Amino acid sequence: MVEHASWEEVKRFKKFIEKNRNDLIVGVGGGRVLDVSKLAGGETGIPFLSVPTTLSNDGIYSPVAVISFEDGIKSVQTELPLGIVIDVEVIKSAPGIYLLAGVGDLIANMSALKDWELAESEGREKLERIAYLISRDAVESFVEFASNGYDVHSPIFIERLSDGLLASGISMAIAGTSRPASGSEHLISHALDKILEKPLPHGIQTGMATLFTECLRGEDISLLKKTMEKLGFPASPEEVGIKKETFLKAVELGPETRKGRFTILDITGRKEWEEAYKKAFE
């Protein structure tokens, strides 16, 4: 049983593997189970099979494990899973909030890709074109599909969300970085994790933050917002108990959660943030 997504838990798992001489890891569960199993497999050279019980984020099939260390939470590069088994009946039984979280984490690619483009234009990073295109096509095709409005527990919706999250994970594997799926919106979510007494599911936070960062860039979010609302996604931070000042504090602290990741937050300030919040949520 995996209790925490921590480095201590990874080390405990590694000892178990070495003692029992296992030749395959099968991780069954949510994000913390898959992240710990994934990293333990990468550390020991044992292949890992992912069996998610929710579709709450793109970590179901990615080379990135989000693990807590003594000095904070880090995204650790590791091996891509050997394969993945998604049981639609199991996913259907999960609370709708976790499926919506998966929607939010996939939609976040829209913001992340623009931050990656910005970092390249500023000479900070090199954009990997194939990874960029896979991530872009995954989110654009999903939004086009979801804009018709679906019951998030329907098999067709679960299959299309699975496809998008899988493609997102593959794009990160090709890029060798989480850049295709993680930008300013993830930094805001990481800051909310530290500020809030009880953080919301990661994808709910990144989805709302994406509406904000898109407005910060001057993008038209009308279709995106309408699509998210049709699915039942929270329309604003205040709808889920996050005050405006708390959200904007997370925007301010976001860059500190992952120093060196250049995003739109590095070239904007309080005035622009206030205006973007108004456009996105008020």
Protein backbone atom coordinates (compact mmCIF):
# COMPACT_ATOMS: atom_id res chain seq x y z
CA MET A 1 0.00 0.00 0.00
CA VAL A 2 1.35 3.40 -0.99
CA GLU A 3 0.41 5.99 1.62
CA HIS A 4 2.27 9.11 0.50
CA ALA A 5 3.93 10.36 -2.69
CA SER A 6 7.21 10.92 -0.86
CA TRP A 7 10.86 10.05 -1.38
CA GLU A 8 10.74 8.01 1.84
CA GLU A 9 7.94 5.92 0.36
CA VAL A 10 9.95 5.43 -2.86
CA LYS A 11 12.93 4.19 -0.82
CA ARG A 12 10.67 1.81 1.13
CA PHE A 13 9.29 0.47 -2.15
CA LYS A 14 12.81 0.01 -3.56
CA LYS A 15 13.80 -2.14 -0.56
CA PHE A 16 10.67 -4.26 -1.06
CA ILE A 17 11.54 -4.82 -4.73
CA GLU A 18 15.17 -5.68 -3.99
CA LYS A 19 14.19 -8.09 -1.22
CA ASN A 20 11.57 -9.92 -3.32
CA ARG A 21 13.47 -9.78 -6.63
CA ASN A 22 10.39 -8.65 -8.52
CA ASP A 23 10.55 -8.34 -12.31
CA LEU A 24 7.42 -6.20 -12.85
CA ILE A 25 5.66 -3.44 -10.92
CA VAL A 26 1.90 -3.02 -11.38
CA GLY A 27 0.62 0.20 -9.86
CA VAL A 28 -3.14 0.26 -9.24
CA GLY A 29 -4.66 3.48 -7.93
CA GLY A 30 -4.54 7.24 -8.13
CA GLY A 31 -1.74 9.74 -8.64
CA ARG A 32 0.38 9.03 -5.56
CA VAL A 33 0.35 5.26 -6.19
CA LEU A 34 1.36 5.67 -9.83
CA ASP A 35 4.05 8.29 -9.11
CA VAL A 36 5.71 6.24 -6.37
CA SER A 37 5.49 3.01 -8.41
CA LYS A 38 6.83 4.78 -11.49
CA LEU A 39 9.84 6.28 -9.73
CA ALA A 40 10.60 3.09 -7.79
CA GLY A 41 10.63 1.25 -11.12
CA GLY A 42 12.90 3.85 -12.69
CA GLU A 43 15.29 3.74 -9.73
CA THR A 44 15.56 -0.07 -9.76
CA GLY A 45 15.34 -0.68 -13.51
CA ILE A 46 12.13 -2.70 -13.12
CA PRO A 47 9.39 -2.08 -15.75
CA PHE A 48 6.19 -0.47 -14.51
CA LEU A 49 2.62 -1.11 -15.69
CA SER A 50 0.18 1.72 -14.96
CA VAL A 51 -3.39 0.82 -13.93
CA PRO A 52 -5.13 4.10 -12.98
CA THR A 53 -8.40 4.09 -11.05
CA THR A 54 -9.03 7.76 -11.90
CA LEU A 55 -8.18 10.03 -14.83
CA SER A 56 -7.34 13.05 -12.70
CA ASN A 57 -4.07 14.02 -14.44
CA ASP A 58 -1.63 13.19 -17.24
CA GLY A 59 0.67 11.36 -14.82
CA ILE A 60 -1.19 8.14 -15.67
CA TYR A 61 1.27 7.67 -18.55
CA SER A 62 4.21 10.01 -18.37
CA PRO A 63 7.94 9.95 -17.53
CA VAL A 64 7.39 12.40 -14.65
CA ALA A 65 6.74 11.57 -10.98
CA VAL A 66 5.61 14.29 -8.56
CA ILE A 67 7.31 13.46 -5.27
CA SER A 68 7.67 15.31 -1.96
CA PHE A 69 11.18 15.67 -0.52
CA GLU A 70 12.34 17.35 2.69
CA ASP A 71 12.86 20.62 0.78
CA GLY A 72 9.54 20.53 -1.09
CA ILE A 73 7.60 18.87 -3.90
CA LYS A 74 9.53 18.14 -7.11
CA SER A 75 8.74 16.77 -10.56
CA VAL A 76 11.27 13.99 -11.13
CA GLN A 77 12.11 12.68 -14.60
CA THR A 78 12.00 8.89 -14.76
CA GLU A 79 11.07 6.11 -17.20
CA LEU A 80 7.85 6.00 -19.23
CA PRO A 81 5.56 3.14 -18.07
CA LEU A 82 5.88 -0.15 -19.93
CA GLY A 83 2.16 0.09 -20.68
CA ILE A 84 -1.20 1.15 -19.32
CA VAL A 85 -4.53 -0.55 -18.62
CA ILE A 86 -7.60 1.69 -18.39
CA ASP A 87 -10.77 -0.06 -17.22
CA VAL A 88 -13.67 2.17 -18.25
CA GLU A 89 -16.00 0.60 -15.67
CA VAL A 90 -13.55 1.38 -12.87
CA ILE A 91 -13.05 4.96 -14.07
CA LYS A 92 -16.85 5.46 -14.27
CA SER A 93 -17.15 4.66 -10.58
CA ALA A 94 -14.82 7.51 -9.57
CA PRO A 95 -16.36 10.79 -8.35
CA GLY A 96 -16.93 13.29 -11.17
CA ILE A 97 -14.53 15.80 -9.59
CA TYR A 98 -11.61 13.54 -10.54
CA LEU A 99 -12.68 13.31 -14.18
CA LEU A 100 -13.03 17.09 -14.25
CA ALA A 101 -9.54 17.31 -12.77
CA GLY A 102 -8.30 15.28 -15.74
CA VAL A 103 -10.03 17.75 -18.04
CA GLY A 104 -8.29 20.64 -16.27
CA ASP A 105 -4.87 19.03 -16.49
CA LEU A 106 -5.28 18.36 -20.22
CA ILE A 107 -6.61 21.84 -20.96
CA ALA A 108 -3.56 23.23 -19.15
CA ASN A 109 -1.51 22.19 -22.20
CA MET A 110 -2.93 25.24 -24.03
CA SER A 111 -1.22 27.54 -21.55
CA ALA A 112 1.92 25.42 -21.13
CA LEU A 113 2.66 25.39 -24.86
CA LYS A 114 2.45 29.17 -25.10
CA ASP A 115 4.86 29.48 -22.17
CA TRP A 116 7.23 27.10 -23.97
CA GLU A 117 7.02 29.27 -27.09
CA LEU A 118 7.72 32.35 -24.96
CA ALA A 119 10.74 30.72 -23.33
CA GLU A 120 12.15 29.85 -26.76
CA SER A 121 11.57 33.37 -28.11
CA GLU A 122 13.47 34.75 -25.11
CA GLY A 123 16.36 32.36 -25.76
CA ARG A 124 15.74 30.46 -22.52
CA GLU A 125 14.89 27.02 -23.93
CA LYS A 126 14.69 25.00 -27.13
CA LEU A 127 11.22 23.94 -28.24
CA GLU A 128 10.94 20.30 -29.36
CA ARG A 129 8.61 20.48 -32.36
CA ILE A 130 7.24 16.91 -32.43
CA ALA A 131 6.43 16.99 -28.71
CA TYR A 132 4.83 20.41 -29.16
CA LEU A 133 2.57 19.20 -32.00
CA ILE A 134 1.46 16.06 -30.14
CA SER A 135 0.51 18.07 -27.07
CA ARG A 136 -1.23 20.77 -29.11
CA ASP A 137 -3.24 18.28 -31.16
CA ALA A 138 -4.25 16.39 -28.01
CA VAL A 139 -5.76 19.41 -26.30
CA GLU A 140 -7.30 20.99 -29.42
CA SER A 141 -9.03 17.79 -30.53
CA PHE A 142 -10.31 17.19 -27.00
CA VAL A 143 -11.75 20.72 -26.66
CA GLU A 144 -13.43 20.40 -30.06
CA PHE A 145 -14.96 17.09 -28.95
CA ALA A 146 -15.98 18.27 -25.47
CA SER A 147 -17.52 21.53 -26.72
CA ASN A 148 -20.66 19.53 -27.60
CA GLY A 149 -21.20 18.79 -23.91
CA TYR A 150 -21.01 15.27 -22.44
CA ASP A 151 -21.70 13.37 -19.27
CA VAL A 152 -18.17 12.98 -17.89
CA HIS A 153 -19.01 9.42 -16.79
CA SER A 154 -20.01 8.29 -20.30
CA PRO A 155 -17.69 5.69 -21.91
CA ILE A 156 -17.03 7.84 -25.00
CA PHE A 157 -16.01 10.79 -22.83
CA ILE A 158 -13.70 8.62 -20.70
CA GLU A 159 -12.09 7.18 -23.83
CA ARG A 160 -11.46 10.60 -25.38
CA LEU A 161 -10.10 12.02 -22.12
CA SER A 162 -7.83 8.97 -21.82
CA ASP A 163 -6.53 9.52 -25.35
CA GLY A 164 -5.72 13.16 -24.59
CA LEU A 165 -3.95 12.42 -21.31
CA LEU A 166 -1.94 9.60 -22.92
CA ALA A 167 -0.83 11.85 -25.76
CA SER A 168 0.14 14.50 -23.22
CA GLY A 169 2.33 11.99 -21.37
CA ILE A 170 3.96 10.83 -24.61
CA SER A 171 4.75 14.44 -25.57
CA MET A 172 6.63 14.87 -22.28
CA ALA A 173 8.57 11.66 -22.92
CA ILE A 174 9.63 12.89 -26.37
CA ALA A 175 10.58 16.34 -25.06
CA GLY A 176 12.49 14.97 -22.07
CA THR A 177 10.76 17.65 -19.97
CA SER A 178 7.28 18.44 -18.63
CA ARG A 179 7.24 21.63 -20.74
CA PRO A 180 4.54 20.39 -23.21
CA ALA A 181 2.06 20.09 -20.34
CA SER A 182 3.27 22.34 -17.54
CA GLY A 183 3.70 26.10 -17.53
CA SER A 184 2.51 29.15 -15.61
CA GLU A 185 -0.82 27.49 -14.77
CA HIS A 186 1.02 24.66 -12.98
CA LEU A 187 3.16 27.14 -11.06
CA ILE A 188 -0.02 28.80 -9.79
CA SER A 189 -1.41 25.41 -8.78
CA HIS A 190 1.80 24.51 -6.92
CA ALA A 191 1.58 27.81 -5.04
CA LEU A 192 -2.07 27.12 -4.15
CA ASP A 193 -0.96 23.75 -2.75
CA LYS A 194 1.24 25.65 -0.30
CA ILE A 195 -1.23 28.43 0.53
CA LEU A 196 -4.50 26.53 0.91
CA GLU A 197 -5.23 24.58 4.07
CA LYS A 198 -6.91 21.93 1.91
CA PRO A 199 -5.85 22.17 -1.76
CA LEU A 200 -8.28 21.14 -4.48
CA PRO A 201 -7.43 18.31 -6.92
CA HIS A 202 -4.42 19.38 -8.98
CA GLY A 203 -6.28 19.43 -12.30
CA ILE A 204 -9.09 21.61 -10.94
CA GLN A 205 -6.50 24.20 -9.92
CA THR A 206 -4.56 24.04 -13.19
CA GLY A 207 -7.77 24.24 -15.23
CA MET A 208 -8.91 27.42 -13.51
CA ALA A 209 -5.38 28.84 -13.69
CA THR A 210 -5.38 28.19 -17.46
CA LEU A 211 -8.41 30.46 -17.91
CA PHE A 212 -6.46 33.14 -16.04
CA THR A 213 -3.15 32.73 -17.92
CA GLU A 214 -4.91 32.69 -21.28
CA CYS A 215 -6.57 36.02 -20.41
CA LEU A 216 -3.19 37.29 -19.23
CA ARG A 217 -1.96 36.70 -22.79
CA GLY A 218 -4.98 38.43 -24.29
CA GLU A 219 -6.48 35.20 -25.67
CA ASP A 220 -10.21 34.75 -26.29
CA ILE A 221 -11.40 32.13 -23.78
CA SER A 222 -15.12 32.21 -24.63
CA LEU A 223 -15.19 28.75 -26.29
CA LEU A 224 -12.91 27.22 -23.68
CA LYS A 225 -14.92 28.61 -20.78
CA LYS A 226 -18.23 27.58 -22.33
CA THR A 227 -16.90 24.05 -22.90
CA MET A 228 -15.65 23.72 -19.32
CA GLU A 229 -18.93 25.00 -17.90
CA LYS A 230 -20.91 22.52 -20.04
CA LEU A 231 -18.92 19.72 -18.43
CA GLY A 232 -19.55 21.09 -14.93
CA PHE A 233 -16.08 22.56 -14.35
CA PRO A 234 -15.95 25.34 -11.70
CA ALA A 235 -16.34 28.72 -13.38
CA SER A 236 -14.17 30.65 -10.92
CA PRO A 237 -11.89 30.21 -7.88
CA GLU A 238 -14.52 31.81 -5.63
CA GLU A 239 -17.03 29.15 -6.68
CA VAL A 240 -14.83 26.57 -4.95
CA GLY A 241 -13.92 28.69 -1.95
CA ILE A 242 -10.72 30.37 -3.14
CA LYS A 243 -10.80 34.13 -2.58
CA LYS A 244 -9.53 36.47 -5.26
CA GLU A 245 -6.66 37.70 -3.10
CA THR A 246 -5.62 34.13 -2.32
CA PHE A 247 -5.55 33.27 -6.02
CA LEU A 248 -3.55 36.38 -6.91
CA LYS A 249 -1.13 35.62 -4.09
CA ALA A 250 -0.57 32.22 -5.72
CA VAL A 251 0.08 34.00 -9.03
CA GLU A 252 2.72 36.12 -7.30
CA LEU A 253 4.37 33.14 -5.59
CA GLY A 254 4.07 30.80 -8.59
CA PRO A 255 7.52 31.43 -10.12
CA GLU A 256 9.19 30.58 -6.80
CA THR A 257 7.76 27.05 -6.88
CA ARG A 258 9.92 26.13 -9.87
CA LYS A 259 12.79 28.52 -10.34
CA GLY A 260 14.21 28.59 -13.82
CA ARG A 261 10.93 27.79 -15.58
CA PHE A 262 10.34 30.95 -17.61
CA THR A 263 6.64 31.79 -18.15
CA ILE A 264 4.27 34.68 -18.74
CA LEU A 265 4.32 35.33 -14.98
CA ASP A 266 7.92 36.55 -15.29
CA ILE A 267 7.04 39.42 -17.60
CA THR A 268 3.75 40.61 -16.09
CA GLY A 269 2.77 42.29 -12.83
CA ARG A 270 -0.07 43.05 -10.46
CA LYS A 271 -1.89 45.41 -12.82
CA GLU A 272 -2.03 42.81 -15.62
CA TRP A 273 -2.98 40.06 -13.12
CA GLU A 274 -5.92 42.08 -11.80
CA GLU A 275 -7.18 42.70 -15.33
CA ALA A 276 -6.76 39.03 -16.35
CA TYR A 277 -8.63 37.86 -13.24
CA LYS A 278 -11.49 40.20 -14.08
CA LYS A 279 -11.71 38.95 -17.67
CA ALA A 280 -11.44 35.28 -16.69
CA PHE A 281 -13.74 35.10 -13.69
CA GLU A 282 -15.83 38.21 -12.99
